Amino acid sequence: MTGTLLLDSEGLSKLYRKDRTVMALVQAASEEGVRVTTSAMTTLEADYERIHPARIKWVLSRIDIRDVTKDITGQAAGLLRTHHLHGHKYAIDAAFAVIARISPQPVTVLTSDPEDLTLLCGSAVEIIKV
């Protein structure tokens, strides 16, 4: 596999809800051998209302879910300090950004929050607003 398509909470929520754009991007990535992934914290953050549990289980069984480890949280804390951001508001985004930074390149992130993730991920990660 080469490259990573990383879904933030909105990207994952849209995949749960069968959003055509997100489904097409995920399908294209899979066909090209790109790893489709998210973070374990993102699975908690994603919108579960009105989504059948079987749909959630099925979607999550088809993507790579990265654990948020002590090492990732340590790097995320460093990102927050570097950018003078408070962990209470940006903790999940910072951990997500670390996962993006360490994932197999090239990395594309599907997000509803391109400003914060562009800042935290850096220029090596392509950010697409969904």
N, C-alpha and C. Protein backbone atom coordinates (compact mmCIF):
# COMPACT_ATOMS: atom_id res chain seq x y z
N MET A 1 0.84 -1.19 0.00
CA MET A 1 0.00 0.00 0.00
C MET A 1 0.88 1.24 0.00
N THR A 2 0.45 2.23 -0.73
CA THR A 2 1.16 3.49 -0.74
C THR A 2 0.19 4.61 -0.41
N GLY A 3 0.59 5.45 0.51
CA GLY A 3 -0.21 6.60 0.85
C GLY A 3 -1.31 6.30 1.84
N THR A 4 -1.90 7.40 2.34
CA THR A 4 -2.92 7.30 3.36
C THR A 4 -4.02 8.31 3.10
N LEU A 5 -5.25 7.88 3.22
CA LEU A 5 -6.41 8.76 3.24
C LEU A 5 -6.93 8.71 4.66
N LEU A 6 -6.85 9.83 5.34
CA LEU A 6 -7.17 9.90 6.77
C LEU A 6 -8.47 10.67 6.96
N LEU A 7 -9.42 10.06 7.67
CA LEU A 7 -10.73 10.66 7.88
C LEU A 7 -10.82 11.26 9.27
N ASP A 8 -11.15 12.57 9.35
CA ASP A 8 -11.42 13.16 10.65
C ASP A 8 -12.86 12.86 11.01
N SER A 9 -13.38 13.45 12.09
CA SER A 9 -14.72 13.08 12.55
C SER A 9 -15.80 13.37 11.51
N GLU A 10 -15.68 14.48 10.79
CA GLU A 10 -16.69 14.78 9.76
C GLU A 10 -16.55 13.84 8.57
N GLY A 11 -15.32 13.53 8.18
CA GLY A 11 -15.12 12.58 7.10
C GLY A 11 -15.69 11.22 7.45
N LEU A 12 -15.45 10.77 8.68
CA LEU A 12 -15.98 9.48 9.12
C LEU A 12 -17.50 9.53 9.23
N SER A 13 -18.03 10.61 9.77
CA SER A 13 -19.48 10.76 9.88
C SER A 13 -20.15 10.72 8.52
N LYS A 14 -19.52 11.38 7.55
CA LYS A 14 -20.08 11.37 6.20
C LYS A 14 -20.00 9.99 5.57
N LEU A 15 -18.97 9.25 5.89
CA LEU A 15 -18.88 7.88 5.39
C LEU A 15 -20.00 7.03 6.01
N TYR A 16 -20.25 7.20 7.30
CA TYR A 16 -21.37 6.51 7.95
C TYR A 16 -22.68 6.83 7.24
N ARG A 17 -22.86 8.09 6.87
CA ARG A 17 -24.12 8.57 6.28
C ARG A 17 -24.17 8.37 4.76
N LYS A 18 -23.17 7.69 4.20
CA LYS A 18 -23.11 7.37 2.77
C LYS A 18 -23.08 8.62 1.88
N ASP A 19 -22.34 9.63 2.33
CA ASP A 19 -22.14 10.83 1.52
C ASP A 19 -21.42 10.43 0.23
N ARG A 20 -21.98 10.82 -0.90
CA ARG A 20 -21.46 10.36 -2.19
C ARG A 20 -20.02 10.80 -2.43
N THR A 21 -19.70 12.04 -2.08
CA THR A 21 -18.35 12.54 -2.32
C THR A 21 -17.33 11.76 -1.50
N VAL A 22 -17.61 11.60 -0.21
CA VAL A 22 -16.68 10.87 0.66
C VAL A 22 -16.60 9.41 0.25
N MET A 23 -17.72 8.80 -0.07
CA MET A 23 -17.70 7.40 -0.50
C MET A 23 -16.88 7.23 -1.77
N ALA A 24 -16.99 8.19 -2.70
CA ALA A 24 -16.21 8.11 -3.94
C ALA A 24 -14.72 8.25 -3.66
N LEU A 25 -14.35 9.16 -2.77
CA LEU A 25 -12.93 9.34 -2.41
C LEU A 25 -12.37 8.10 -1.73
N VAL A 26 -13.14 7.51 -0.83
CA VAL A 26 -12.70 6.30 -0.13
C VAL A 26 -12.58 5.13 -1.11
N GLN A 27 -13.54 4.99 -2.00
CA GLN A 27 -13.51 3.93 -3.01
C GLN A 27 -12.29 4.08 -3.92
N ALA A 28 -12.06 5.31 -4.39
CA ALA A 28 -10.91 5.55 -5.27
C ALA A 28 -9.60 5.24 -4.54
N ALA A 29 -9.50 5.65 -3.29
CA ALA A 29 -8.29 5.38 -2.51
C ALA A 29 -8.08 3.87 -2.38
N SER A 30 -9.12 3.16 -2.03
CA SER A 30 -9.02 1.71 -1.87
C SER A 30 -8.57 1.03 -3.16
N GLU A 31 -9.15 1.47 -4.28
CA GLU A 31 -8.79 0.88 -5.58
C GLU A 31 -7.34 1.17 -5.96
N GLU A 32 -6.80 2.29 -5.47
CA GLU A 32 -5.42 2.66 -5.79
C GLU A 32 -4.42 2.14 -4.76
N GLY A 33 -4.88 1.35 -3.80
CA GLY A 33 -3.99 0.79 -2.80
C GLY A 33 -3.59 1.78 -1.71
N VAL A 34 -4.38 2.82 -1.54
CA VAL A 34 -4.14 3.81 -0.48
C VAL A 34 -4.83 3.33 0.79
N ARG A 35 -4.12 3.38 1.90
CA ARG A 35 -4.68 2.97 3.18
C ARG A 35 -5.72 4.01 3.63
N VAL A 36 -6.93 3.58 3.93
CA VAL A 36 -7.97 4.45 4.47
C VAL A 36 -7.98 4.24 5.98
N THR A 37 -7.83 5.33 6.73
CA THR A 37 -7.64 5.20 8.17
C THR A 37 -8.27 6.36 8.93
N THR A 38 -8.36 6.17 10.23
CA THR A 38 -8.78 7.21 11.16
C THR A 38 -8.14 6.90 12.50
N SER A 39 -8.36 7.76 13.47
CA SER A 39 -7.81 7.50 14.81
C SER A 39 -8.90 6.90 15.70
N ALA A 40 -8.49 6.18 16.72
CA ALA A 40 -9.44 5.61 17.67
C ALA A 40 -10.27 6.72 18.32
N MET A 41 -9.66 7.86 18.60
CA MET A 41 -10.40 8.98 19.19
C MET A 41 -11.44 9.53 18.23
N THR A 42 -11.15 9.51 16.95
CA THR A 42 -12.09 10.01 15.96
C THR A 42 -13.35 9.15 15.93
N THR A 43 -13.20 7.84 16.18
CA THR A 43 -14.39 6.99 16.19
C THR A 43 -15.33 7.37 17.32
N LEU A 44 -14.79 7.94 18.39
CA LEU A 44 -15.63 8.43 19.49
C LEU A 44 -16.27 9.77 19.15
N GLU A 45 -15.55 10.57 18.40
CA GLU A 45 -15.97 11.93 18.08
C GLU A 45 -17.02 11.98 16.96
N ALA A 46 -17.01 10.99 16.08
CA ALA A 46 -17.89 11.00 14.90
C ALA A 46 -19.37 10.96 15.30
N ASP A 47 -20.19 11.50 14.46
CA ASP A 47 -21.62 11.60 14.70
C ASP A 47 -22.28 10.23 14.61
N TYR A 48 -22.84 9.75 15.70
CA TYR A 48 -23.49 8.44 15.70
C TYR A 48 -25.01 8.55 15.65
N GLU A 49 -25.56 9.72 15.85
CA GLU A 49 -27.01 9.86 15.83
C GLU A 49 -27.59 9.41 14.51
N ARG A 50 -28.67 8.69 14.59
CA ARG A 50 -29.40 8.24 13.40
C ARG A 50 -28.61 7.23 12.55
N ILE A 51 -27.49 6.76 13.04
CA ILE A 51 -26.71 5.77 12.28
C ILE A 51 -26.89 4.41 12.96
N HIS A 52 -27.32 3.43 12.20
CA HIS A 52 -27.52 2.09 12.76
C HIS A 52 -26.18 1.52 13.21
N PRO A 53 -26.13 0.92 14.39
CA PRO A 53 -24.86 0.34 14.88
C PRO A 53 -24.22 -0.64 13.91
N ALA A 54 -25.02 -1.38 13.15
CA ALA A 54 -24.45 -2.32 12.17
C ALA A 54 -23.69 -1.57 11.08
N ARG A 55 -24.19 -0.41 10.67
CA ARG A 55 -23.50 0.40 9.65
C ARG A 55 -22.16 0.88 10.21
N ILE A 56 -22.14 1.34 11.43
CA ILE A 56 -20.90 1.80 12.06
C ILE A 56 -19.90 0.66 12.12
N LYS A 57 -20.35 -0.49 12.59
CA LYS A 57 -19.46 -1.65 12.71
C LYS A 57 -18.91 -2.05 11.34
N TRP A 58 -19.75 -2.05 10.32
CA TRP A 58 -19.33 -2.41 8.97
C TRP A 58 -18.28 -1.44 8.44
N VAL A 59 -18.54 -0.13 8.57
CA VAL A 59 -17.58 0.88 8.09
C VAL A 59 -16.24 0.73 8.82
N LEU A 60 -16.29 0.62 10.14
CA LEU A 60 -15.05 0.53 10.91
C LEU A 60 -14.28 -0.75 10.62
N SER A 61 -14.98 -1.80 10.18
CA SER A 61 -14.29 -3.05 9.85
C SER A 61 -13.50 -2.94 8.55
N ARG A 62 -13.76 -1.90 7.77
CA ARG A 62 -13.13 -1.75 6.47
C ARG A 62 -12.06 -0.67 6.41
N ILE A 63 -11.81 -0.03 7.55
CA ILE A 63 -10.74 0.97 7.58
C ILE A 63 -9.77 0.65 8.71
N ASP A 64 -8.59 1.22 8.61
CA ASP A 64 -7.55 1.04 9.61
C ASP A 64 -7.78 2.07 10.72
N ILE A 65 -7.86 1.59 11.95
CA ILE A 65 -8.07 2.50 13.08
C ILE A 65 -6.78 2.55 13.90
N ARG A 66 -6.17 3.74 13.93
CA ARG A 66 -4.90 3.93 14.62
C ARG A 66 -5.12 4.23 16.10
N ASP A 67 -4.42 3.53 16.95
CA ASP A 67 -4.47 3.80 18.38
C ASP A 67 -3.81 5.13 18.69
N VAL A 68 -4.30 5.77 19.72
CA VAL A 68 -3.68 7.00 20.22
C VAL A 68 -2.81 6.58 21.41
N THR A 69 -1.52 6.46 21.14
CA THR A 69 -0.57 5.93 22.12
C THR A 69 0.06 7.06 22.95
N LYS A 70 0.82 6.66 23.94
CA LYS A 70 1.55 7.63 24.77
C LYS A 70 2.52 8.44 23.91
N ASP A 71 3.17 7.80 22.96
CA ASP A 71 4.09 8.50 22.06
C ASP A 71 3.34 9.55 21.22
N ILE A 72 2.18 9.16 20.69
CA ILE A 72 1.39 10.10 19.88
C ILE A 72 0.92 11.27 20.73
N THR A 73 0.46 11.01 21.94
CA THR A 73 0.00 12.12 22.78
C THR A 73 1.17 13.03 23.19
N GLY A 74 2.34 12.45 23.37
CA GLY A 74 3.51 13.28 23.68
C GLY A 74 3.86 14.20 22.52
N GLN A 75 3.83 13.66 21.30
CA GLN A 75 4.09 14.50 20.12
C GLN A 75 2.98 15.54 19.94
N ALA A 76 1.74 15.16 20.24
CA ALA A 76 0.62 16.10 20.13
C ALA A 76 0.78 17.25 21.11
N ALA A 77 1.23 16.95 22.32
CA ALA A 77 1.47 18.01 23.31
C ALA A 77 2.53 18.98 22.79
N GLY A 78 3.56 18.44 22.13
CA GLY A 78 4.58 19.30 21.53
C GLY A 78 4.01 20.20 20.45
N LEU A 79 3.13 19.66 19.62
CA LEU A 79 2.47 20.48 18.58
C LEU A 79 1.65 21.60 19.21
N LEU A 80 0.92 21.27 20.27
CA LEU A 80 0.11 22.29 20.94
C LEU A 80 0.99 23.40 21.50
N ARG A 81 2.10 23.02 22.13
CA ARG A 81 3.02 24.03 22.67
C ARG A 81 3.59 24.88 21.55
N THR A 82 4.02 24.25 20.47
CA THR A 82 4.60 24.98 19.34
C THR A 82 3.65 26.03 18.79
N HIS A 83 2.38 25.67 18.71
CA HIS A 83 1.39 26.57 18.10
C HIS A 83 0.59 27.36 19.14
N HIS A 84 0.99 27.27 20.42
CA HIS A 84 0.34 28.03 21.50
C HIS A 84 -1.17 27.77 21.54
N LEU A 85 -1.54 26.49 21.48
CA LEU A 85 -2.94 26.08 21.53
C LEU A 85 -3.21 25.35 22.83
N HIS A 86 -4.44 25.42 23.31
CA HIS A 86 -4.82 24.76 24.56
C HIS A 86 -5.32 23.35 24.28
N GLY A 87 -4.85 22.41 25.06
CA GLY A 87 -5.20 21.01 24.86
C GLY A 87 -6.68 20.71 24.98
N HIS A 88 -7.39 21.44 25.85
CA HIS A 88 -8.82 21.17 26.04
C HIS A 88 -9.58 21.29 24.72
N LYS A 89 -9.28 22.29 23.95
CA LYS A 89 -10.00 22.52 22.69
C LYS A 89 -9.39 21.76 21.51
N TYR A 90 -8.08 21.56 21.51
CA TYR A 90 -7.39 21.04 20.34
C TYR A 90 -6.75 19.67 20.52
N ALA A 91 -7.00 19.00 21.63
CA ALA A 91 -6.31 17.74 21.92
C ALA A 91 -6.53 16.67 20.85
N ILE A 92 -7.78 16.45 20.47
CA ILE A 92 -8.07 15.41 19.49
C ILE A 92 -7.47 15.77 18.13
N ASP A 93 -7.59 17.05 17.74
CA ASP A 93 -7.00 17.49 16.47
C ASP A 93 -5.49 17.32 16.48
N ALA A 94 -4.85 17.61 17.61
CA ALA A 94 -3.39 17.49 17.69
C ALA A 94 -2.96 16.03 17.56
N ALA A 95 -3.64 15.11 18.25
CA ALA A 95 -3.31 13.69 18.13
C ALA A 95 -3.56 13.21 16.71
N PHE A 96 -4.66 13.66 16.11
CA PHE A 96 -4.99 13.31 14.74
C PHE A 96 -3.89 13.81 13.79
N ALA A 97 -3.41 15.03 14.02
CA ALA A 97 -2.36 15.60 13.18
C ALA A 97 -1.07 14.80 13.28
N VAL A 98 -0.74 14.33 14.48
CA VAL A 98 0.46 13.49 14.62
C VAL A 98 0.30 12.21 13.81
N ILE A 99 -0.88 11.60 13.88
CA ILE A 99 -1.12 10.38 13.09
C ILE A 99 -0.96 10.70 11.61
N ALA A 100 -1.47 11.84 11.17
CA ALA A 100 -1.30 12.24 9.76
C ALA A 100 0.17 12.38 9.41
N ARG A 101 0.93 13.02 10.29
CA ARG A 101 2.35 13.27 10.03
C ARG A 101 3.18 11.99 9.96
N ILE A 102 2.79 10.95 10.69
CA ILE A 102 3.59 9.72 10.74
C ILE A 102 3.04 8.62 9.84
N SER A 103 1.94 8.88 9.16
CA SER A 103 1.34 7.88 8.27
C SER A 103 2.13 7.79 6.97
N PRO A 104 2.03 6.64 6.28
CA PRO A 104 2.71 6.50 4.99
C PRO A 104 2.29 7.60 4.01
N GLN A 105 3.29 8.22 3.41
CA GLN A 105 3.07 9.34 2.47
C GLN A 105 2.73 8.82 1.09
N PRO A 106 2.04 9.60 0.28
CA PRO A 106 1.44 10.89 0.60
C PRO A 106 0.18 10.72 1.46
N VAL A 107 -0.11 11.74 2.27
CA VAL A 107 -1.25 11.71 3.17
C VAL A 107 -2.26 12.77 2.75
N THR A 108 -3.52 12.36 2.65
CA THR A 108 -4.62 13.28 2.39
C THR A 108 -5.60 13.15 3.55
N VAL A 109 -6.03 14.29 4.08
CA VAL A 109 -6.98 14.32 5.19
C VAL A 109 -8.30 14.89 4.70
N LEU A 110 -9.39 14.17 5.02
CA LEU A 110 -10.74 14.69 4.75
C LEU A 110 -11.26 15.27 6.06
N THR A 111 -11.57 16.58 6.04
CA THR A 111 -11.95 17.27 7.27
C THR A 111 -12.95 18.38 7.02
N SER A 112 -13.69 18.73 8.05
CA SER A 112 -14.55 19.91 8.00
C SER A 112 -13.83 21.11 8.60
N ASP A 113 -12.63 20.90 9.12
CA ASP A 113 -11.88 21.94 9.83
C ASP A 113 -10.50 22.12 9.20
N PRO A 114 -10.45 22.61 7.95
CA PRO A 114 -9.16 22.68 7.27
C PRO A 114 -8.16 23.66 7.91
N GLU A 115 -8.64 24.70 8.55
CA GLU A 115 -7.72 25.70 9.10
C GLU A 115 -6.87 25.11 10.22
N ASP A 116 -7.53 24.51 11.22
CA ASP A 116 -6.78 23.95 12.36
C ASP A 116 -5.88 22.80 11.91
N LEU A 117 -6.39 21.92 11.08
CA LEU A 117 -5.57 20.77 10.67
C LEU A 117 -4.45 21.16 9.73
N THR A 118 -4.63 22.19 8.91
CA THR A 118 -3.53 22.67 8.07
C THR A 118 -2.40 23.17 8.96
N LEU A 119 -2.75 23.92 9.99
CA LEU A 119 -1.76 24.44 10.94
C LEU A 119 -1.03 23.29 11.63
N LEU A 120 -1.78 22.32 12.14
CA LEU A 120 -1.19 21.25 12.94
C LEU A 120 -0.48 20.17 12.10
N CYS A 121 -0.98 19.91 10.90
CA CYS A 121 -0.39 18.84 10.08
C CYS A 121 0.84 19.29 9.31
N GLY A 122 0.90 20.57 8.96
CA GLY A 122 2.02 21.06 8.18
C GLY A 122 1.80 20.87 6.70
N SER A 123 2.73 21.34 5.93
CA SER A 123 2.57 21.39 4.46
C SER A 123 2.72 20.03 3.77
N ALA A 124 3.22 19.02 4.46
CA ALA A 124 3.42 17.71 3.83
C ALA A 124 2.10 16.94 3.70
N VAL A 125 1.05 17.42 4.35
CA VAL A 125 -0.24 16.73 4.35
C VAL A 125 -1.24 17.53 3.54
N GLU A 126 -1.90 16.87 2.58
CA GLU A 126 -2.94 17.54 1.78
C GLU A 126 -4.24 17.52 2.57
N ILE A 127 -4.88 18.68 2.66
CA ILE A 127 -6.12 18.81 3.41
C ILE A 127 -7.25 19.07 2.42
N ILE A 128 -8.32 18.27 2.51
CA ILE A 128 -9.50 18.46 1.66
C ILE A 128 -10.70 18.70 2.56
N LYS A 129 -11.39 19.79 2.31
CA LYS A 129 -12.59 20.11 3.10
C LYS A 129 -13.77 19.29 2.58
N VAL A 130 -14.47 18.65 3.53
CA VAL A 130 -15.67 17.88 3.18
C VAL A 130 -16.86 18.39 3.97
